PDB file of N, CA and C in Angstrom:
ATOM      1  N   MET A   1       0.828  -1.188   0.000  1.00  0.00           N
ATOM      2  CA  MET A   1       0.000   0.000   0.000  1.00  0.00           C
ATOM      3  C   MET A   1       0.880   1.263   0.000  1.00  0.00           C
ATOM      4  N   LYS A   2       1.989   1.227   0.756  1.00  0.00           N
ATOM      5  CA  LYS A   2       2.883   2.378   0.801  1.00  0.00           C
ATOM      6  C   LYS A   2       3.507   2.634  -0.569  1.00  0.00           C
ATOM      7  N   ASN A   3       3.831   1.561  -1.283  1.00  0.00           N
ATOM      8  CA  ASN A   3       4.413   1.719  -2.618  1.00  0.00           C
ATOM      9  C   ASN A   3       3.421   2.359  -3.580  1.00  0.00           C
ATOM     10  N   LEU A   4       2.153   1.991  -3.461  1.00  0.00           N
ATOM     11  CA  LEU A   4       1.121   2.567  -4.325  1.00  0.00           C
ATOM     12  C   LEU A   4       0.979   4.066  -4.063  1.00  0.00           C
ATOM     13  N   ILE A   5       0.937   4.431  -2.805  1.00  0.00           N
ATOM     14  CA  ILE A   5       0.815   5.848  -2.446  1.00  0.00           C
ATOM     15  C   ILE A   5       2.045   6.622  -2.908  1.00  0.00           C
ATOM     16  N   ALA A   6       3.234   6.040  -2.721  1.00  0.00           N
ATOM     17  CA  ALA A   6       4.466   6.701  -3.160  1.00  0.00           C
ATOM     18  C   ALA A   6       4.477   6.871  -4.678  1.00  0.00           C
ATOM     19  N   SER A   7       4.047   5.855  -5.410  1.00  0.00           N
ATOM     20  CA  SER A   7       4.015   5.929  -6.878  1.00  0.00           C
ATOM     21  C   SER A   7       3.030   6.986  -7.352  1.00  0.00           C
ATOM     22  N   MET A   8       1.871   7.047  -6.717  1.00  0.00           N
ATOM     23  CA  MET A   8       0.870   8.042  -7.101  1.00  0.00           C
ATOM     24  C   MET A   8       1.360   9.453  -6.792  1.00  0.00           C
ATOM     25  N   SER A   9       2.062   9.607  -5.672  1.00  0.00           N
ATOM     26  CA  SER A   9       2.586  10.928  -5.308  1.00  0.00           C
ATOM     27  C   SER A   9       3.636  11.397  -6.313  1.00  0.00           C
ATOM     28  N   VAL A  10       4.519  10.497  -6.711  1.00  0.00           N
ATOM     29  CA  VAL A  10       5.546  10.850  -7.697  1.00  0.00           C
ATOM     30  C   VAL A  10       4.896  11.201  -9.020  1.00  0.00           C
ATOM     31  N   GLY A  11       3.898  10.450  -9.433  1.00  0.00           N
ATOM     32  CA  GLY A  11       3.191  10.738 -10.685  1.00  0.00           C
ATOM     33  C   GLY A  11       2.526  12.098 -10.655  1.00  0.00           C
ATOM     34  N   ALA A  12       1.900  12.431  -9.538  1.00  0.00           N
ATOM     35  CA  ALA A  12       1.242  13.733  -9.411  1.00  0.00           C
ATOM     36  C   ALA A  12       2.264  14.863  -9.456  1.00  0.00           C
ATOM     37  N   LEU A  13       3.404  14.670  -8.799  1.00  0.00           N
ATOM     38  CA  LEU A  13       4.445  15.695  -8.824  1.00  0.00           C
ATOM     39  C   LEU A  13       5.000  15.900 -10.223  1.00  0.00           C
ATOM     40  N   LEU A  14       5.197  14.824 -10.960  1.00  0.00           N
ATOM     41  CA  LEU A  14       5.726  14.949 -12.320  1.00  0.00           C
ATOM     42  C   LEU A  14       4.737  15.659 -13.235  1.00  0.00           C
ATOM     43  N   CYS A  15       3.471  15.409 -13.075  1.00  0.00           N
ATOM     44  CA  CYS A  15       2.465  16.098 -13.887  1.00  0.00           C
ATOM     45  C   CYS A  15       2.434  17.588 -13.566  1.00  0.00           C
ATOM     46  N   GLY A  16       2.673  17.935 -12.306  1.00  0.00           N
ATOM     47  CA  GLY A  16       2.675  19.334 -11.907  1.00  0.00           C
ATOM     48  C   GLY A  16       3.897  20.083 -12.395  1.00  0.00           C
ATOM     49  N   CYS A  17       4.915  19.371 -12.824  1.00  0.00           N
ATOM     50  CA  CYS A  17       6.154  19.995 -13.262  1.00  0.00           C
ATOM     51  C   CYS A  17       6.269  20.034 -14.786  1.00  0.00           C
ATOM     52  N   MET A  18       5.167  19.962 -15.481  1.00  0.00           N
ATOM     53  CA  MET A  18       5.196  20.012 -16.939  1.00  0.00           C
ATOM     54  C   MET A  18       5.769  21.364 -17.360  1.00  0.00           C
ATOM     55  N   THR A  19       6.606  21.355 -18.336  1.00  0.00           N
ATOM     56  CA  THR A  19       7.195  22.611 -18.789  1.00  0.00           C
ATOM     57  C   THR A  19       6.538  23.054 -20.081  1.00  0.00           C
ATOM     58  N   LEU A  20       6.507  24.339 -20.269  1.00  0.00           N
ATOM     59  CA  LEU A  20       5.975  24.905 -21.499  1.00  0.00           C
ATOM     60  C   LEU A  20       7.042  24.836 -22.574  1.00  0.00           C
ATOM     61  N   SER A  21       6.613  24.700 -23.792  1.00  0.00           N
ATOM     62  CA  SER A  21       7.567  24.772 -24.895  1.00  0.00           C
ATOM     63  C   SER A  21       7.044  25.800 -25.887  1.00  0.00           C
ATOM     64  N   GLY A  22       7.942  26.411 -26.601  1.00  0.00           N
ATOM     65  CA  GLY A  22       7.552  27.432 -27.561  1.00  0.00           C
ATOM     66  C   GLY A  22       8.101  28.788 -27.157  1.00  0.00           C
ATOM     67  N   THR A  23       7.826  29.765 -27.996  1.00  0.00           N
ATOM     68  CA  THR A  23       8.278  31.130 -27.754  1.00  0.00           C
ATOM     69  C   THR A  23       7.051  31.997 -27.522  1.00  0.00           C
ATOM     70  N   TYR A  24       7.121  32.815 -26.497  1.00  0.00           N
ATOM     71  CA  TYR A  24       5.971  33.615 -26.088  1.00  0.00           C
ATOM     72  C   TYR A  24       6.332  35.099 -26.004  1.00  0.00           C
ATOM     73  N   GLN A  25       5.369  35.927 -26.356  1.00  0.00           N
ATOM     74  CA  GLN A  25       5.487  37.384 -26.280  1.00  0.00           C
ATOM     75  C   GLN A  25       4.703  37.835 -25.052  1.00  0.00           C
ATOM     76  N   LEU A  26       5.345  38.571 -24.155  1.00  0.00           N
ATOM     77  CA  LEU A  26       4.684  39.087 -22.967  1.00  0.00           C
ATOM     78  C   LEU A  26       4.559  40.590 -23.096  1.00  0.00           C
ATOM     79  N   SER A  27       3.378  41.099 -22.805  1.00  0.00           N
ATOM     80  CA  SER A  27       3.162  42.542 -22.853  1.00  0.00           C
ATOM     81  C   SER A  27       2.323  42.954 -21.653  1.00  0.00           C
ATOM     82  N   LEU A  28       2.348  44.242 -21.342  1.00  0.00           N
ATOM     83  CA  LEU A  28       1.636  44.764 -20.178  1.00  0.00           C
ATOM     84  C   LEU A  28       0.459  45.627 -20.596  1.00  0.00           C
ATOM     85  N   GLN A  29      -0.603  45.532 -19.815  1.00  0.00           N
ATOM     86  CA  GLN A  29      -1.780  46.378 -20.011  1.00  0.00           C
ATOM     87  C   GLN A  29      -2.126  47.037 -18.685  1.00  0.00           C
ATOM     88  N   ASP A  30      -2.802  48.201 -18.774  1.00  0.00           N
ATOM     89  CA  ASP A  30      -3.279  48.847 -17.557  1.00  0.00           C
ATOM     90  C   ASP A  30      -4.649  48.262 -17.185  1.00  0.00           C
ATOM     91  N   ALA A  31      -5.272  48.834 -16.171  1.00  0.00           N
ATOM     92  CA  ALA A  31      -6.554  48.310 -15.678  1.00  0.00           C
ATOM     93  C   ALA A  31      -7.677  48.403 -16.714  1.00  0.00           C
ATOM     94  N   THR A  32      -7.548  49.298 -17.678  1.00  0.00           N
ATOM     95  CA  THR A  32      -8.588  49.441 -18.707  1.00  0.00           C
ATOM     96  C   THR A  32      -8.339  48.559 -19.918  1.00  0.00           C
ATOM     97  N   GLY A  33      -7.233  47.824 -19.918  1.00  0.00           N
ATOM     98  CA  GLY A  33      -6.930  46.926 -21.038  1.00  0.00           C
ATOM     99  C   GLY A  33      -6.105  47.561 -22.136  1.00  0.00           C
ATOM    100  N   LYS A  34      -5.609  48.767 -21.893  1.00  0.00           N
ATOM    101  CA  LYS A  34      -4.776  49.449 -22.886  1.00  0.00           C
ATOM    102  C   LYS A  34      -3.306  49.185 -22.594  1.00  0.00           C
ATOM    103  N   PRO A  35      -2.473  49.087 -23.640  1.00  0.00           N
ATOM    104  CA  PRO A  35      -1.028  48.918 -23.404  1.00  0.00           C
ATOM    105  C   PRO A  35      -0.486  50.084 -22.592  1.00  0.00           C
ATOM    106  N   LEU A  36       0.484  49.794 -21.746  1.00  0.00           N
ATOM    107  CA  LEU A  36       1.108  50.860 -20.958  1.00  0.00           C
ATOM    108  C   LEU A  36       1.807  51.847 -21.887  1.00  0.00           C
ATOM    109  N   PRO A  37       1.889  53.120 -21.492  1.00  0.00           N
ATOM    110  CA  PRO A  37       2.527  54.130 -22.332  1.00  0.00           C
ATOM    111  C   PRO A  37       3.969  53.779 -22.708  1.00  0.00           C
ATOM    112  N   GLN A  38       4.663  53.029 -21.857  1.00  0.00           N
ATOM    113  CA  GLN A  38       6.040  52.645 -22.142  1.00  0.00           C
ATOM    114  C   GLN A  38       6.097  51.551 -23.202  1.00  0.00           C
ATOM    115  N   ASN A  39       4.953  50.938 -23.518  1.00  0.00           N
ATOM    116  CA  ASN A  39       4.853  49.874 -24.518  1.00  0.00           C
ATOM    117  C   ASN A  39       5.883  48.767 -24.255  1.00  0.00           C
ATOM    118  N   ILE A  40       5.869  48.266 -23.039  1.00  0.00           N
ATOM    119  CA  ILE A  40       6.828  47.245 -22.617  1.00  0.00           C
ATOM    120  C   ILE A  40       6.419  45.887 -23.157  1.00  0.00           C
ATOM    121  N   SER A  41       7.384  45.189 -23.744  1.00  0.00           N
ATOM    122  CA  SER A  41       7.143  43.866 -24.307  1.00  0.00           C
ATOM    123  C   SER A  41       8.413  43.043 -24.174  1.00  0.00           C
ATOM    124  N   MET A  42       8.249  41.757 -23.890  1.00  0.00           N
ATOM    125  CA  MET A  42       9.391  40.843 -23.762  1.00  0.00           C
ATOM    126  C   MET A  42       9.067  39.556 -24.498  1.00  0.00           C
ATOM    127  N   THR A  43      10.094  38.839 -24.874  1.00  0.00           N
ATOM    128  CA  THR A  43       9.938  37.522 -25.462  1.00  0.00           C
ATOM    129  C   THR A  43      10.631  36.523 -24.546  1.00  0.00           C
ATOM    130  N   ALA A  44       9.962  35.400 -24.307  1.00  0.00           N
ATOM    131  CA  ALA A  44      10.530  34.359 -23.450  1.00  0.00           C
ATOM    132  C   ALA A  44      10.283  33.006 -24.085  1.00  0.00           C
ATOM    133  N   GLN A  45      11.139  32.078 -23.741  1.00  0.00           N
ATOM    134  CA  GLN A  45      11.037  30.735 -24.282  1.00  0.00           C
ATOM    135  C   GLN A  45      10.635  29.764 -23.170  1.00  0.00           C
ATOM    136  N   GLY A  46       9.638  28.950 -23.444  1.00  0.00           N
ATOM    137  CA  GLY A  46       9.209  27.918 -22.508  1.00  0.00           C
ATOM    138  C   GLY A  46       8.837  28.465 -21.153  1.00  0.00           C
ATOM    139  N   SER A  47       9.327  27.801 -20.110  1.00  0.00           N
ATOM    140  CA  SER A  47       8.984  28.202 -18.755  1.00  0.00           C
ATOM    141  C   SER A  47       9.659  29.508 -18.341  1.00  0.00           C
ATOM    142  N   GLY A  48      10.467  30.092 -19.215  1.00  0.00           N
ATOM    143  CA  GLY A  48      11.062  31.404 -18.959  1.00  0.00           C
ATOM    144  C   GLY A  48      10.013  32.496 -18.854  1.00  0.00           C
ATOM    145  N   ILE A  49       8.773  32.176 -19.234  1.00  0.00           N
ATOM    146  CA  ILE A  49       7.710  33.179 -19.121  1.00  0.00           C
ATOM    147  C   ILE A  49       7.493  33.590 -17.670  1.00  0.00           C
ATOM    148  N   TYR A  50       7.748  32.679 -16.731  1.00  0.00           N
ATOM    149  CA  TYR A  50       7.517  32.994 -15.323  1.00  0.00           C
ATOM    150  C   TYR A  50       8.519  34.028 -14.816  1.00  0.00           C
ATOM    151  N   SER A  51       9.764  33.899 -15.189  1.00  0.00           N
ATOM    152  CA  SER A  51      10.770  34.886 -14.793  1.00  0.00           C
ATOM    153  C   SER A  51      10.480  36.230 -15.431  1.00  0.00           C
ATOM    154  N   ALA A  52      10.140  36.217 -16.715  1.00  0.00           N
ATOM    155  CA  ALA A  52       9.830  37.462 -17.418  1.00  0.00           C
ATOM    156  C   ALA A  52       8.595  38.119 -16.821  1.00  0.00           C
ATOM    157  N   ARG A  53       7.565  37.324 -16.565  1.00  0.00           N
ATOM    158  CA  ARG A  53       6.325  37.850 -15.984  1.00  0.00           C
ATOM    159  C   ARG A  53       6.591  38.470 -14.620  1.00  0.00           C
ATOM    160  N   ASN A  54       7.367  37.776 -13.787  1.00  0.00           N
ATOM    161  CA  ASN A  54       7.658  38.298 -12.448  1.00  0.00           C
ATOM    162  C   ASN A  54       8.483  39.576 -12.508  1.00  0.00           C
ATOM    163  N   ALA A  55       9.410  39.659 -13.446  1.00  0.00           N
ATOM    164  CA  ALA A  55      10.214  40.874 -13.607  1.00  0.00           C
ATOM    165  C   ALA A  55       9.328  42.044 -14.032  1.00  0.00           C
ATOM    166  N   MET A  56       8.425  41.781 -14.960  1.00  0.00           N
ATOM    167  CA  MET A  56       7.523  42.842 -15.419  1.00  0.00           C
ATOM    168  C   MET A  56       6.616  43.309 -14.281  1.00  0.00           C
ATOM    169  N   CYS A  57       6.128  42.372 -13.488  1.00  0.00           N
ATOM    170  CA  CYS A  57       5.244  42.722 -12.377  1.00  0.00           C
ATOM    171  C   CYS A  57       5.973  43.474 -11.269  1.00  0.00           C
ATOM    172  N   SER A  58       7.262  43.193 -11.087  1.00  0.00           N
ATOM    173  CA  SER A  58       7.998  43.897 -10.043  1.00  0.00           C
ATOM    174  C   SER A  58       8.164  45.373 -10.384  1.00  0.00           C
ATOM    175  N   VAL A  59       8.220  45.693 -11.659  1.00  0.00           N
ATOM    176  CA  VAL A  59       8.364  47.080 -12.093  1.00  0.00           C
ATOM    177  C   VAL A  59       7.002  47.771 -12.194  1.00  0.00           C
ATOM    178  N   HIS A  60       5.970  47.022 -12.574  1.00  0.00           N
ATOM    179  CA  HIS A  60       4.615  47.570 -12.755  1.00  0.00           C
ATOM    180  C   HIS A  60       3.621  46.713 -11.984  1.00  0.00           C
ATOM    181  N   PRO A  61       3.536  46.881 -10.648  1.00  0.00           N
ATOM    182  CA  PRO A  61       2.728  45.992  -9.811  1.00  0.00           C
ATOM    183  C   PRO A  61       1.212  46.058 -10.052  1.00  0.00           C
ATOM    184  N   ASP A  62       0.709  47.079 -10.714  1.00  0.00           N
ATOM    185  CA  ASP A  62      -0.727  47.178 -10.963  1.00  0.00           C
ATOM    186  C   ASP A  62      -1.121  46.764 -12.380  1.00  0.00           C
ATOM    187  N   ALA A  63      -0.179  46.267 -13.138  1.00  0.00           N
ATOM    188  CA  ALA A  63      -0.432  45.930 -14.543  1.00  0.00           C
ATOM    189  C   ALA A  63      -0.983  44.507 -14.682  1.00  0.00           C
ATOM    190  N   THR A  64      -1.406  44.199 -15.901  1.00  0.00           N
ATOM    191  CA  THR A  64      -1.836  42.859 -16.267  1.00  0.00           C
ATOM    192  C   THR A  64      -0.913  42.382 -17.384  1.00  0.00           C
ATOM    193  N   VAL A  65      -0.376  41.173 -17.229  1.00  0.00           N
ATOM    194  CA  VAL A  65       0.528  40.608 -18.225  1.00  0.00           C
ATOM    195  C   VAL A  65      -0.278  39.742 -19.189  1.00  0.00           C
ATOM    196  N   ILE A  66      -0.089  39.995 -20.482  1.00  0.00           N
ATOM    197  CA  ILE A  66      -0.714  39.190 -21.528  1.00  0.00           C
ATOM    198  C   ILE A  66       0.395  38.361 -22.175  1.00  0.00           C
ATOM    199  N   ILE A  67       0.168  37.059 -22.273  1.00  0.00           N
ATOM    200  CA  ILE A  67       1.166  36.150 -22.829  1.00  0.00           C
ATOM    201  C   ILE A  67       0.592  35.502 -24.083  1.00  0.00           C
ATOM    202  N   ARG A  68       1.280  35.688 -25.205  1.00  0.00           N
ATOM    203  CA  ARG A  68       0.826  35.141 -26.484  1.00  0.00           C
ATOM    204  C   ARG A  68       1.908  34.273 -27.107  1.00  0.00           C
ATOM    205  N   ASP A  69       1.468  33.220 -27.767  1.00  0.00           N
ATOM    206  CA  ASP A  69       2.374  32.359 -28.524  1.00  0.00           C
ATOM    207  C   ASP A  69       2.824  33.136 -29.754  1.00  0.00           C
ATOM    208  N   VAL A  70       4.127  33.229 -29.980  1.00  0.00           N
ATOM    209  CA  VAL A  70       4.663  34.003 -31.100  1.00  0.00           C
ATOM    210  C   VAL A  70       4.230  33.398 -32.439  1.00  0.00           C
ATOM    211  N   GLN A  71       4.229  32.078 -32.528  1.00  0.00           N
ATOM    212  CA  GLN A  71       3.901  31.404 -33.789  1.00  0.00           C
ATOM    213  C   GLN A  71       2.438  31.586 -34.174  1.00  0.00           C
ATOM    214  N   SER A  72       1.527  31.328 -33.227  1.00  0.00           N
ATOM    215  CA  SER A  72       0.100  31.331 -33.549  1.00  0.00           C
ATOM    216  C   SER A  72      -0.593  32.651 -33.232  1.00  0.00           C
ATOM    217  N   GLY A  73      -0.007  33.442 -32.340  1.00  0.00           N
ATOM    218  CA  GLY A  73      -0.648  34.680 -31.913  1.00  0.00           C
ATOM    219  C   GLY A  73      -1.729  34.450 -30.869  1.00  0.00           C
ATOM    220  N   GLU A  74      -1.951  33.186 -30.507  1.00  0.00           N
ATOM    221  CA  GLU A  74      -2.973  32.831 -29.524  1.00  0.00           C
ATOM    222  C   GLU A  74      -2.494  33.170 -28.116  1.00  0.00           C
ATOM    223  N   GLU A  75      -3.420  33.640 -27.293  1.00  0.00           N
ATOM    224  CA  GLU A  75      -3.106  33.903 -25.898  1.00  0.00           C
ATOM    225  C   GLU A  75      -2.956  32.569 -25.168  1.00  0.00           C
ATOM    226  N   LEU A  76      -1.979  32.489 -24.273  1.00  0.00           N
ATOM    227  CA  LEU A  76      -1.725  31.281 -23.497  1.00  0.00           C
ATOM    228  C   LEU A  76      -2.734  31.242 -22.348  1.00  0.00           C
ATOM    229  N   LYS A  77      -3.865  30.591 -22.583  1.00  0.00           N
ATOM    230  CA  LYS A  77      -5.003  30.626 -21.663  1.00  0.00           C
ATOM    231  C   LYS A  77      -4.684  30.130 -20.254  1.00  0.00           C
ATOM    232  N   SER A  78      -3.745  29.204 -20.127  1.00  0.00           N
ATOM    233  CA  SER A  78      -3.438  28.686 -18.793  1.00  0.00           C
ATOM    234  C   SER A  78      -2.680  29.693 -17.923  1.00  0.00           C
ATOM    235  N   GLU A  79      -2.064  30.697 -18.540  1.00  0.00           N
ATOM    236  CA  GLU A  79      -1.243  31.657 -17.793  1.00  0.00           C
ATOM    237  C   GLU A  79      -1.608  33.128 -18.034  1.00  0.00           C
ATOM    238  N   SER A  80      -2.500  33.377 -18.944  1.00  0.00           N
ATOM    239  CA  SER A  80      -2.782  34.751 -19.337  1.00  0.00           C
ATOM    240  C   SER A  80      -4.287  34.982 -19.437  1.00  0.00           C
ATOM    241  N   PRO A  81      -4.769  36.119 -19.025  1.00  0.00           N
ATOM    242  CA  PRO A  81      -4.052  37.278 -18.481  1.00  0.00           C
ATOM    243  C   PRO A  81      -3.654  37.029 -17.032  1.00  0.00           C
ATOM    244  N   TYR A  82      -2.568  37.646 -16.629  1.00  0.00           N
ATOM    245  CA  TYR A  82      -2.054  37.508 -15.272  1.00  0.00           C
ATOM    246  C   TYR A  82      -2.038  38.881 -14.624  1.00  0.00           C
ATOM    247  N   LYS A  83      -2.818  39.044 -13.554  1.00  0.00           N
ATOM    248  CA  LYS A  83      -2.878  40.314 -12.834  1.00  0.00           C
ATOM    249  C   LYS A  83      -1.731  40.335 -11.827  1.00  0.00           C
ATOM    250  N   CYS A  84      -0.875  41.342 -11.946  1.00  0.00           N
ATOM    251  CA  CYS A  84       0.271  41.472 -11.023  1.00  0.00           C
ATOM    252  C   CYS A  84      -0.196  41.765  -9.618  1.00  0.00           C
TER     253      CYS A  84
END
């Protein structure tokens, strides 16, 4: 029984550690949904979106980060929009 619980726990942890792949464009919006006057935008690869997002939020704590796939232009629904 302990082996079953240990195996299930490891499986759950591995699923939670899935990494993103692809290239993403991150941009900031104000509370009304308009781009910030500074027109800040970054590009990140894979799970690098989290570092980029956190850096953007540290400079603009009231902004919303929009993350889009560079190839398709689609918003990354699992992570975007992100309110700082």
